Amino acid sequence: MPQKPPTFGRKLRSLRKRARFNQAQVAKALGMDRTSYGRVELGKRNMAASELDAFLRFVGISDPLERSKILSLANSEDQEPPSPVDVERCLEAA
């Protein structure tokens, strides 16, 4: 049986689908190819803090608490940890 993607990847997929975007649309907005973005959702590729910020903006996540929870989830699954400046910038952008 195939393994489920890590929680962070499932969360990104859920947010993407809730915003009614496909992987290709998100990938284009983030400046990456669809395969690379798909690997993020599968937990096989890390997402830089700047990419995560761009993703959250693209799918319309502006609530500071929700953004903070997603950033924490990314950090808990061995994603590239955002710098304190990046976290602050993400929260201010909300």
PDB file of N, CA and C in Angstrom:
ATOM      1  N   MET A   1       0.841  -1.175   0.000  1.00  0.00           N
ATOM      2  CA  MET A   1       0.000   0.000   0.000  1.00  0.00           C
ATOM      3  C   MET A   1       0.891   1.244   0.000  1.00  0.00           C
ATOM      4  N   PRO A   2       0.595   2.244  -0.872  1.00  0.00           N
ATOM      5  CA  PRO A   2       1.425   3.450  -0.900  1.00  0.00           C
ATOM      6  C   PRO A   2       1.298   4.245   0.394  1.00  0.00           C
ATOM      7  N   GLN A   3       2.407   4.863   0.776  1.00  0.00           N
ATOM      8  CA  GLN A   3       2.390   5.690   1.974  1.00  0.00           C
ATOM      9  C   GLN A   3       1.645   6.984   1.703  1.00  0.00           C
ATOM     10  N   LYS A   4       0.977   7.500   2.739  1.00  0.00           N
ATOM     11  CA  LYS A   4       0.344   8.811   2.637  1.00  0.00           C
ATOM     12  C   LYS A   4       1.442   9.865   2.632  1.00  0.00           C
ATOM     13  N   PRO A   5       1.217  10.958   1.888  1.00  0.00           N
ATOM     14  CA  PRO A   5       2.191  12.043   1.957  1.00  0.00           C
ATOM     15  C   PRO A   5       2.221  12.611   3.378  1.00  0.00           C
ATOM     16  N   PRO A   6       3.323  13.225   3.768  1.00  0.00           N
ATOM     17  CA  PRO A   6       3.383  13.844   5.086  1.00  0.00           C
ATOM     18  C   PRO A   6       2.268  14.874   5.261  1.00  0.00           C
ATOM     19  N   THR A   7       1.976  15.176   6.510  1.00  0.00           N
ATOM     20  CA  THR A   7       0.887  16.085   6.844  1.00  0.00           C
ATOM     21  C   THR A   7       1.028  17.427   6.126  1.00  0.00           C
ATOM     22  N   PHE A   8       2.241  17.958   6.037  1.00  0.00           N
ATOM     23  CA  PHE A   8       2.443  19.249   5.378  1.00  0.00           C
ATOM     24  C   PHE A   8       1.991  19.186   3.923  1.00  0.00           C
ATOM     25  N   GLY A   9       2.383  18.146   3.216  1.00  0.00           N
ATOM     26  CA  GLY A   9       1.977  17.992   1.817  1.00  0.00           C
ATOM     27  C   GLY A   9       0.477  17.852   1.671  1.00  0.00           C
ATOM     28  N   ARG A  10      -0.147  17.088   2.569  1.00  0.00           N
ATOM     29  CA  ARG A  10      -1.609  16.937   2.522  1.00  0.00           C
ATOM     30  C   ARG A  10      -2.297  18.275   2.782  1.00  0.00           C
ATOM     31  N   LYS A  11      -1.727  19.071   3.681  1.00  0.00           N
ATOM     32  CA  LYS A  11      -2.306  20.385   3.980  1.00  0.00           C
ATOM     33  C   LYS A  11      -2.214  21.295   2.758  1.00  0.00           C
ATOM     34  N   LEU A  12      -1.063  21.299   2.098  1.00  0.00           N
ATOM     35  CA  LEU A  12      -0.917  22.120   0.891  1.00  0.00           C
ATOM     36  C   LEU A  12      -1.925  21.688  -0.170  1.00  0.00           C
ATOM     37  N   ARG A  13      -2.063  20.388  -0.334  1.00  0.00           N
ATOM     38  CA  ARG A  13      -3.024  19.876  -1.329  1.00  0.00           C
ATOM     39  C   ARG A  13      -4.440  20.311  -0.980  1.00  0.00           C
ATOM     40  N   SER A  14      -4.789  20.209   0.278  1.00  0.00           N
ATOM     41  CA  SER A  14      -6.112  20.615   0.730  1.00  0.00           C
ATOM     42  C   SER A  14      -6.358  22.107   0.467  1.00  0.00           C
ATOM     43  N   LEU A  15      -5.371  22.934   0.783  1.00  0.00           N
ATOM     44  CA  LEU A  15      -5.509  24.382   0.559  1.00  0.00           C
ATOM     45  C   LEU A  15      -5.607  24.691  -0.930  1.00  0.00           C
ATOM     46  N   ARG A  16      -4.804  23.993  -1.720  1.00  0.00           N
ATOM     47  CA  ARG A  16      -4.842  24.201  -3.178  1.00  0.00           C
ATOM     48  C   ARG A  16      -6.207  23.837  -3.731  1.00  0.00           C
ATOM     49  N   LYS A  17      -6.719  22.696  -3.324  1.00  0.00           N
ATOM     50  CA  LYS A  17      -8.019  22.259  -3.833  1.00  0.00           C
ATOM     51  C   LYS A  17      -9.147  23.170  -3.343  1.00  0.00           C
ATOM     52  N   ARG A  18      -9.054  23.611  -2.098  1.00  0.00           N
ATOM     53  CA  ARG A  18     -10.061  24.527  -1.555  1.00  0.00           C
ATOM     54  C   ARG A  18     -10.111  25.821  -2.368  1.00  0.00           C
ATOM     55  N   ALA A  19      -8.946  26.257  -2.841  1.00  0.00           N
ATOM     56  CA  ALA A  19      -8.878  27.476  -3.659  1.00  0.00           C
ATOM     57  C   ALA A  19      -9.200  27.195  -5.126  1.00  0.00           C
ATOM     58  N   ARG A  20      -9.420  25.915  -5.455  1.00  0.00           N
ATOM     59  CA  ARG A  20      -9.801  25.478  -6.801  1.00  0.00           C
ATOM     60  C   ARG A  20      -8.729  25.719  -7.858  1.00  0.00           C
ATOM     61  N   PHE A  21      -7.502  25.405  -7.459  1.00  0.00           N
ATOM     62  CA  PHE A  21      -6.384  25.470  -8.393  1.00  0.00           C
ATOM     63  C   PHE A  21      -5.862  24.065  -8.630  1.00  0.00           C
ATOM     64  N   ASN A  22      -5.281  23.848  -9.812  1.00  0.00           N
ATOM     65  CA  ASN A  22      -4.605  22.579 -10.048  1.00  0.00           C
ATOM     66  C   ASN A  22      -3.108  22.774  -9.784  1.00  0.00           C
ATOM     67  N   GLN A  23      -2.371  21.677  -9.795  1.00  0.00           N
ATOM     68  CA  GLN A  23      -0.942  21.760  -9.503  1.00  0.00           C
ATOM     69  C   GLN A  23      -0.199  22.642 -10.495  1.00  0.00           C
ATOM     70  N   ALA A  24      -0.580  22.582 -11.751  1.00  0.00           N
ATOM     71  CA  ALA A  24       0.109  23.382 -12.773  1.00  0.00           C
ATOM     72  C   ALA A  24      -0.070  24.878 -12.511  1.00  0.00           C
ATOM     73  N   GLN A  25      -1.257  25.283 -12.096  1.00  0.00           N
ATOM     74  CA  GLN A  25      -1.499  26.700 -11.817  1.00  0.00           C
ATOM     75  C   GLN A  25      -0.668  27.178 -10.635  1.00  0.00           C
ATOM     76  N   VAL A  26      -0.628  26.366  -9.589  1.00  0.00           N
ATOM     77  CA  VAL A  26       0.168  26.732  -8.412  1.00  0.00           C
ATOM     78  C   VAL A  26       1.647  26.774  -8.776  1.00  0.00           C
ATOM     79  N   ALA A  27       2.103  25.760  -9.483  1.00  0.00           N
ATOM     80  CA  ALA A  27       3.515  25.703  -9.869  1.00  0.00           C
ATOM     81  C   ALA A  27       3.913  26.946 -10.670  1.00  0.00           C
ATOM     82  N   LYS A  28       3.075  27.343 -11.609  1.00  0.00           N
ATOM     83  CA  LYS A  28       3.377  28.525 -12.423  1.00  0.00           C
ATOM     84  C   LYS A  28       3.466  29.772 -11.544  1.00  0.00           C
ATOM     85  N   ALA A  29       2.542  29.904 -10.597  1.00  0.00           N
ATOM     86  CA  ALA A  29       2.548  31.066  -9.700  1.00  0.00           C
ATOM     87  C   ALA A  29       3.795  31.088  -8.820  1.00  0.00           C
ATOM     88  N   LEU A  30       4.327  29.916  -8.523  1.00  0.00           N
ATOM     89  CA  LEU A  30       5.517  29.830  -7.672  1.00  0.00           C
ATOM     90  C   LEU A  30       6.822  29.831  -8.465  1.00  0.00           C
ATOM     91  N   GLY A  31       6.711  29.792  -9.785  1.00  0.00           N
ATOM     92  CA  GLY A  31       7.911  29.804 -10.620  1.00  0.00           C
ATOM     93  C   GLY A  31       8.629  28.468 -10.651  1.00  0.00           C
ATOM     94  N   MET A  32       7.869  27.383 -10.554  1.00  0.00           N
ATOM     95  CA  MET A  32       8.473  26.049 -10.634  1.00  0.00           C
ATOM     96  C   MET A  32       7.649  25.207 -11.590  1.00  0.00           C
ATOM     97  N   ASP A  33       8.177  24.063 -11.979  1.00  0.00           N
ATOM     98  CA  ASP A  33       7.384  23.208 -12.862  1.00  0.00           C
ATOM     99  C   ASP A  33       6.411  22.367 -12.034  1.00  0.00           C
ATOM    100  N   ARG A  34       5.411  21.814 -12.700  1.00  0.00           N
ATOM    101  CA  ARG A  34       4.356  21.077 -12.024  1.00  0.00           C
ATOM    102  C   ARG A  34       4.894  19.866 -11.276  1.00  0.00           C
ATOM    103  N   THR A  35       5.872  19.206 -11.866  1.00  0.00           N
ATOM    104  CA  THR A  35       6.448  18.030 -11.224  1.00  0.00           C
ATOM    105  C   THR A  35       7.101  18.399  -9.894  1.00  0.00           C
ATOM    106  N   SER A  36       7.820  19.497  -9.879  1.00  0.00           N
ATOM    107  CA  SER A  36       8.465  19.937  -8.633  1.00  0.00           C
ATOM    108  C   SER A  36       7.426  20.246  -7.564  1.00  0.00           C
ATOM    109  N   TYR A  37       6.371  20.954  -7.960  1.00  0.00           N
ATOM    110  CA  TYR A  37       5.322  21.255  -6.974  1.00  0.00           C
ATOM    111  C   TYR A  37       4.644  19.961  -6.502  1.00  0.00           C
ATOM    112  N   GLY A  38       4.390  19.050  -7.405  1.00  0.00           N
ATOM    113  CA  GLY A  38       3.783  17.775  -7.031  1.00  0.00           C
ATOM    114  C   GLY A  38       4.625  17.031  -6.006  1.00  0.00           C
ATOM    115  N   ARG A  39       5.938  17.120  -6.158  1.00  0.00           N
ATOM    116  CA  ARG A  39       6.845  16.469  -5.204  1.00  0.00           C
ATOM    117  C   ARG A  39       6.754  17.126  -3.825  1.00  0.00           C
ATOM    118  N   VAL A  40       6.455  18.426  -3.784  1.00  0.00           N
ATOM    119  CA  VAL A  40       6.254  19.097  -2.494  1.00  0.00           C
ATOM    120  C   VAL A  40       5.038  18.483  -1.803  1.00  0.00           C
ATOM    121  N   GLU A  41       3.934  18.333  -2.537  1.00  0.00           N
ATOM    122  CA  GLU A  41       2.723  17.759  -1.952  1.00  0.00           C
ATOM    123  C   GLU A  41       2.946  16.321  -1.499  1.00  0.00           C
ATOM    124  N   LEU A  42       3.843  15.608  -2.164  1.00  0.00           N
ATOM    125  CA  LEU A  42       4.133  14.228  -1.787  1.00  0.00           C
ATOM    126  C   LEU A  42       5.179  14.123  -0.672  1.00  0.00           C
ATOM    127  N   GLY A  43       5.741  15.263  -0.283  1.00  0.00           N
ATOM    128  CA  GLY A  43       6.752  15.257   0.768  1.00  0.00           C
ATOM    129  C   GLY A  43       8.125  14.843   0.286  1.00  0.00           C
ATOM    130  N   LYS A  44       8.349  14.892  -1.026  1.00  0.00           N
ATOM    131  CA  LYS A  44       9.630  14.476  -1.597  1.00  0.00           C
ATOM    132  C   LYS A  44      10.520  15.657  -1.975  1.00  0.00           C
ATOM    133  N   ARG A  45      10.013  16.851  -1.776  1.00  0.00           N
ATOM    134  CA  ARG A  45      10.794  18.059  -2.068  1.00  0.00           C
ATOM    135  C   ARG A  45      10.465  19.087  -1.001  1.00  0.00           C
ATOM    136  N   ASN A  46      11.487  19.743  -0.497  1.00  0.00           N
ATOM    137  CA  ASN A  46      11.262  20.816   0.472  1.00  0.00           C
ATOM    138  C   ASN A  46      10.776  22.062  -0.235  1.00  0.00           C
ATOM    139  N   MET A  47      10.126  22.896   0.525  1.00  0.00           N
ATOM    140  CA  MET A  47       9.636  24.166   0.002  1.00  0.00           C
ATOM    141  C   MET A  47      10.336  25.270   0.777  1.00  0.00           C
ATOM    142  N   ALA A  48      10.995  26.166   0.065  1.00  0.00           N
ATOM    143  CA  ALA A  48      11.666  27.296   0.705  1.00  0.00           C
ATOM    144  C   ALA A  48      10.619  28.216   1.336  1.00  0.00           C
ATOM    145  N   ALA A  49      11.043  28.954   2.338  1.00  0.00           N
ATOM    146  CA  ALA A  49      10.135  29.874   3.024  1.00  0.00           C
ATOM    147  C   ALA A  49       9.502  30.856   2.044  1.00  0.00           C
ATOM    148  N   SER A  50      10.277  31.338   1.083  1.00  0.00           N
ATOM    149  CA  SER A  50       9.735  32.289   0.103  1.00  0.00           C
ATOM    150  C   SER A  50       8.679  31.628  -0.782  1.00  0.00           C
ATOM    151  N   GLU A  51       8.875  30.335  -1.098  1.00  0.00           N
ATOM    152  CA  GLU A  51       7.881  29.605  -1.894  1.00  0.00           C
ATOM    153  C   GLU A  51       6.609  29.383  -1.088  1.00  0.00           C
ATOM    154  N   LEU A  52       6.771  29.065   0.185  1.00  0.00           N
ATOM    155  CA  LEU A  52       5.600  28.864   1.035  1.00  0.00           C
ATOM    156  C   LEU A  52       4.825  30.162   1.179  1.00  0.00           C
ATOM    157  N   ASP A  53       5.521  31.263   1.367  1.00  0.00           N
ATOM    158  CA  ASP A  53       4.857  32.557   1.456  1.00  0.00           C
ATOM    159  C   ASP A  53       4.086  32.853   0.174  1.00  0.00           C
ATOM    160  N   ALA A  54       4.705  32.620  -0.975  1.00  0.00           N
ATOM    161  CA  ALA A  54       4.040  32.850  -2.264  1.00  0.00           C
ATOM    162  C   ALA A  54       2.823  31.933  -2.414  1.00  0.00           C
ATOM    163  N   PHE A  55       2.958  30.678  -1.978  1.00  0.00           N
ATOM    164  CA  PHE A  55       1.838  29.742  -2.043  1.00  0.00           C
ATOM    165  C   PHE A  55       0.663  30.245  -1.198  1.00  0.00           C
ATOM    166  N   LEU A  56       0.949  30.634   0.036  1.00  0.00           N
ATOM    167  CA  LEU A  56      -0.120  31.095   0.919  1.00  0.00           C
ATOM    168  C   LEU A  56      -0.821  32.327   0.357  1.00  0.00           C
ATOM    169  N   ARG A  57      -0.057  33.225  -0.218  1.00  0.00           N
ATOM    170  CA  ARG A  57      -0.665  34.403  -0.854  1.00  0.00           C
ATOM    171  C   ARG A  57      -1.537  33.983  -2.035  1.00  0.00           C
ATOM    172  N   PHE A  58      -1.032  33.071  -2.856  1.00  0.00           N
ATOM    173  CA  PHE A  58      -1.732  32.647  -4.065  1.00  0.00           C
ATOM    174  C   PHE A  58      -3.066  31.986  -3.747  1.00  0.00           C
ATOM    175  N   VAL A  59      -3.093  31.162  -2.708  1.00  0.00           N
ATOM    176  CA  VAL A  59      -4.340  30.466  -2.369  1.00  0.00           C
ATOM    177  C   VAL A  59      -5.214  31.278  -1.412  1.00  0.00           C
ATOM    178  N   GLY A  60      -4.780  32.486  -1.093  1.00  0.00           N
ATOM    179  CA  GLY A  60      -5.623  33.401  -0.325  1.00  0.00           C
ATOM    180  C   GLY A  60      -5.617  33.203   1.178  1.00  0.00           C
ATOM    181  N   ILE A  61      -4.541  32.646   1.716  1.00  0.00           N
ATOM    182  CA  ILE A  61      -4.447  32.474   3.165  1.00  0.00           C
ATOM    183  C   ILE A  61      -3.841  33.745   3.747  1.00  0.00           C
ATOM    184  N   SER A  62      -4.678  34.535   4.405  1.00  0.00           N
ATOM    185  CA  SER A  62      -4.196  35.794   4.952  1.00  0.00           C
ATOM    186  C   SER A  62      -4.321  35.872   6.468  1.00  0.00           C
ATOM    187  N   ASP A  63      -5.060  34.956   7.069  1.00  0.00           N
ATOM    188  CA  ASP A  63      -5.222  34.962   8.521  1.00  0.00           C
ATOM    189  C   ASP A  63      -3.881  34.648   9.187  1.00  0.00           C
ATOM    190  N   PRO A  64      -3.391  35.538  10.045  1.00  0.00           N
ATOM    191  CA  PRO A  64      -2.077  35.314  10.670  1.00  0.00           C
ATOM    192  C   PRO A  64      -1.996  34.019  11.461  1.00  0.00           C
ATOM    193  N   LEU A  65      -3.066  33.645  12.143  1.00  0.00           N
ATOM    194  CA  LEU A  65      -3.040  32.405  12.920  1.00  0.00           C
ATOM    195  C   LEU A  65      -2.937  31.187  12.007  1.00  0.00           C
ATOM    196  N   GLU A  66      -3.696  31.178  10.924  1.00  0.00           N
ATOM    197  CA  GLU A  66      -3.625  30.050   9.990  1.00  0.00           C
ATOM    198  C   GLU A  66      -2.252  29.975   9.329  1.00  0.00           C
ATOM    199  N   ARG A  67      -1.705  31.130   8.934  1.00  0.00           N
ATOM    200  CA  ARG A  67      -0.374  31.158   8.330  1.00  0.00           C
ATOM    201  C   ARG A  67       0.668  30.621   9.311  1.00  0.00           C
ATOM    202  N   SER A  68       0.544  31.015  10.570  1.00  0.00           N
ATOM    203  CA  SER A  68       1.478  30.565  11.594  1.00  0.00           C
ATOM    204  C   SER A  68       1.399  29.052  11.783  1.00  0.00           C
ATOM    205  N   LYS A  69       0.187  28.491  11.790  1.00  0.00           N
ATOM    206  CA  LYS A  69       0.015  27.041  11.939  1.00  0.00           C
ATOM    207  C   LYS A  69       0.653  26.292  10.776  1.00  0.00           C
ATOM    208  N   ILE A  70       0.491  26.826   9.574  1.00  0.00           N
ATOM    209  CA  ILE A  70       1.069  26.167   8.394  1.00  0.00           C
ATOM    210  C   ILE A  70       2.589  26.246   8.430  1.00  0.00           C
ATOM    211  N   LEU A  71       3.124  27.389   8.839  1.00  0.00           N
ATOM    212  CA  LEU A  71       4.580  27.522   8.974  1.00  0.00           C
ATOM    213  C   LEU A  71       5.105  26.532  10.013  1.00  0.00           C
ATOM    214  N   SER A  72       4.385  26.376  11.112  1.00  0.00           N
ATOM    215  CA  SER A  72       4.796  25.426  12.148  1.00  0.00           C
ATOM    216  C   SER A  72       4.758  24.001  11.626  1.00  0.00           C
ATOM    217  N   LEU A  73       3.732  23.689  10.861  1.00  0.00           N
ATOM    218  CA  LEU A  73       3.612  22.352  10.283  1.00  0.00           C
ATOM    219  C   LEU A  73       4.777  22.077   9.337  1.00  0.00           C
ATOM    220  N   ALA A  74       5.131  23.068   8.548  1.00  0.00           N
ATOM    221  CA  ALA A  74       6.268  22.911   7.633  1.00  0.00           C
ATOM    222  C   ALA A  74       7.538  22.630   8.418  1.00  0.00           C
ATOM    223  N   ASN A  75       7.746  23.344   9.497  1.00  0.00           N
ATOM    224  CA  ASN A  75       8.954  23.154  10.309  1.00  0.00           C
ATOM    225  C   ASN A  75       8.976  21.791  10.990  1.00  0.00           C
ATOM    226  N   SER A  76       7.812  21.300  11.360  1.00  0.00           N
ATOM    227  CA  SER A  76       7.761  20.030  12.089  1.00  0.00           C
ATOM    228  C   SER A  76       8.050  18.834  11.186  1.00  0.00           C
ATOM    229  N   GLU A  77       8.002  19.010   9.887  1.00  0.00           N
ATOM    230  CA  GLU A  77       8.224  17.899   8.965  1.00  0.00           C
ATOM    231  C   GLU A  77       9.511  18.040   8.171  1.00  0.00           C
ATOM    232  N   ASP A  78      10.497  18.673   8.784  1.00  0.00           N
ATOM    233  CA  ASP A  78      11.819  18.753   8.187  1.00  0.00           C
ATOM    234  C   ASP A  78      11.822  19.551   6.901  1.00  0.00           C
ATOM    235  N   GLN A  79      10.954  20.520   6.803  1.00  0.00           N
ATOM    236  CA  GLN A  79      11.016  21.452   5.686  1.00  0.00           C
ATOM    237  C   GLN A  79      12.121  22.448   6.008  1.00  0.00           C
ATOM    238  N   GLU A  80      12.529  23.207   5.008  1.00  0.00           N
ATOM    239  CA  GLU A  80      13.538  24.234   5.244  1.00  0.00           C
ATOM    240  C   GLU A  80      12.954  25.228   6.243  1.00  0.00           C
ATOM    241  N   PRO A  81      13.542  25.361   7.413  1.00  0.00           N
ATOM    242  CA  PRO A  81      12.950  26.264   8.393  1.00  0.00           C
ATOM    243  C   PRO A  81      13.086  27.710   7.951  1.00  0.00           C
ATOM    244  N   PRO A  82      11.986  28.452   8.006  1.00  0.00           N
ATOM    245  CA  PRO A  82      12.081  29.859   7.632  1.00  0.00           C
ATOM    246  C   PRO A  82      12.856  30.632   8.690  1.00  0.00           C
ATOM    247  N   SER A  83      13.537  31.647   8.262  1.00  0.00           N
ATOM    248  CA  SER A  83      14.248  32.488   9.211  1.00  0.00           C
ATOM    249  C   SER A  83      13.218  33.313   9.988  1.00  0.00           C
ATOM    250  N   PRO A  84      13.590  33.835  11.155  1.00  0.00           N
ATOM    251  CA  PRO A  84      12.649  34.684  11.900  1.00  0.00           C
ATOM    252  C   PRO A  84      12.150  35.855  11.072  1.00  0.00           C
ATOM    253  N   VAL A  85      12.997  36.391  10.207  1.00  0.00           N
ATOM    254  CA  VAL A  85      12.587  37.502   9.344  1.00  0.00           C
ATOM    255  C   VAL A  85      11.504  37.030   8.372  1.00  0.00           C
ATOM    256  N   ASP A  86      11.675  35.830   7.796  1.00  0.00           N
ATOM    257  CA  ASP A  86      10.682  35.287   6.877  1.00  0.00           C
ATOM    258  C   ASP A  86       9.358  35.047   7.577  1.00  0.00           C
ATOM    259  N   VAL A  87       9.403  34.511   8.799  1.00  0.00           N
ATOM    260  CA  VAL A  87       8.174  34.264   9.545  1.00  0.00           C
ATOM    261  C   VAL A  87       7.475  35.584   9.811  1.00  0.00           C
ATOM    262  N   GLU A  88       8.219  36.568  10.255  1.00  0.00           N
ATOM    263  CA  GLU A  88       7.632  37.874  10.538  1.00  0.00           C
ATOM    264  C   GLU A  88       7.040  38.484   9.272  1.00  0.00           C
ATOM    265  N   ARG A  89       7.741  38.383   8.169  1.00  0.00           N
ATOM    266  CA  ARG A  89       7.262  38.914   6.896  1.00  0.00           C
ATOM    267  C   ARG A  89       5.967  38.215   6.474  1.00  0.00           C
ATOM    268  N   CYS A  90       5.908  36.897   6.646  1.00  0.00           N
ATOM    269  CA  CYS A  90       4.699  36.140   6.302  1.00  0.00           C
ATOM    270  C   CYS A  90       3.517  36.586   7.142  1.00  0.00           C
ATOM    271  N   LEU A  91       3.765  36.787   8.431  1.00  0.00           N
ATOM    272  CA  LEU A  91       2.678  37.184   9.316  1.00  0.00           C
ATOM    273  C   LEU A  91       2.237  38.625   9.054  1.00  0.00           C
ATOM    274  N   GLU A  92       3.189  39.494   8.737  1.00  0.00           N
ATOM    275  CA  GLU A  92       2.835  40.879   8.417  1.00  0.00           C
ATOM    276  C   GLU A  92       2.049  40.984   7.112  1.00  0.00           C
ATOM    277  N   ALA A  93       2.319  40.072   6.190  1.00  0.00           N
ATOM    278  CA  ALA A  93       1.658  40.125   4.886  1.00  0.00           C
ATOM    279  C   ALA A  93       0.179  39.757   4.981  1.00  0.00           C
ATOM    280  N   ALA A  94      -0.189  39.142   6.064  1.00  0.00           N
ATOM    281  CA  ALA A  94      -1.584  38.687   6.223  1.00  0.00           C
ATOM    282  C   ALA A  94      -2.534  39.838   6.407  1.00  0.00           C
TER     283      ALA A  94
END
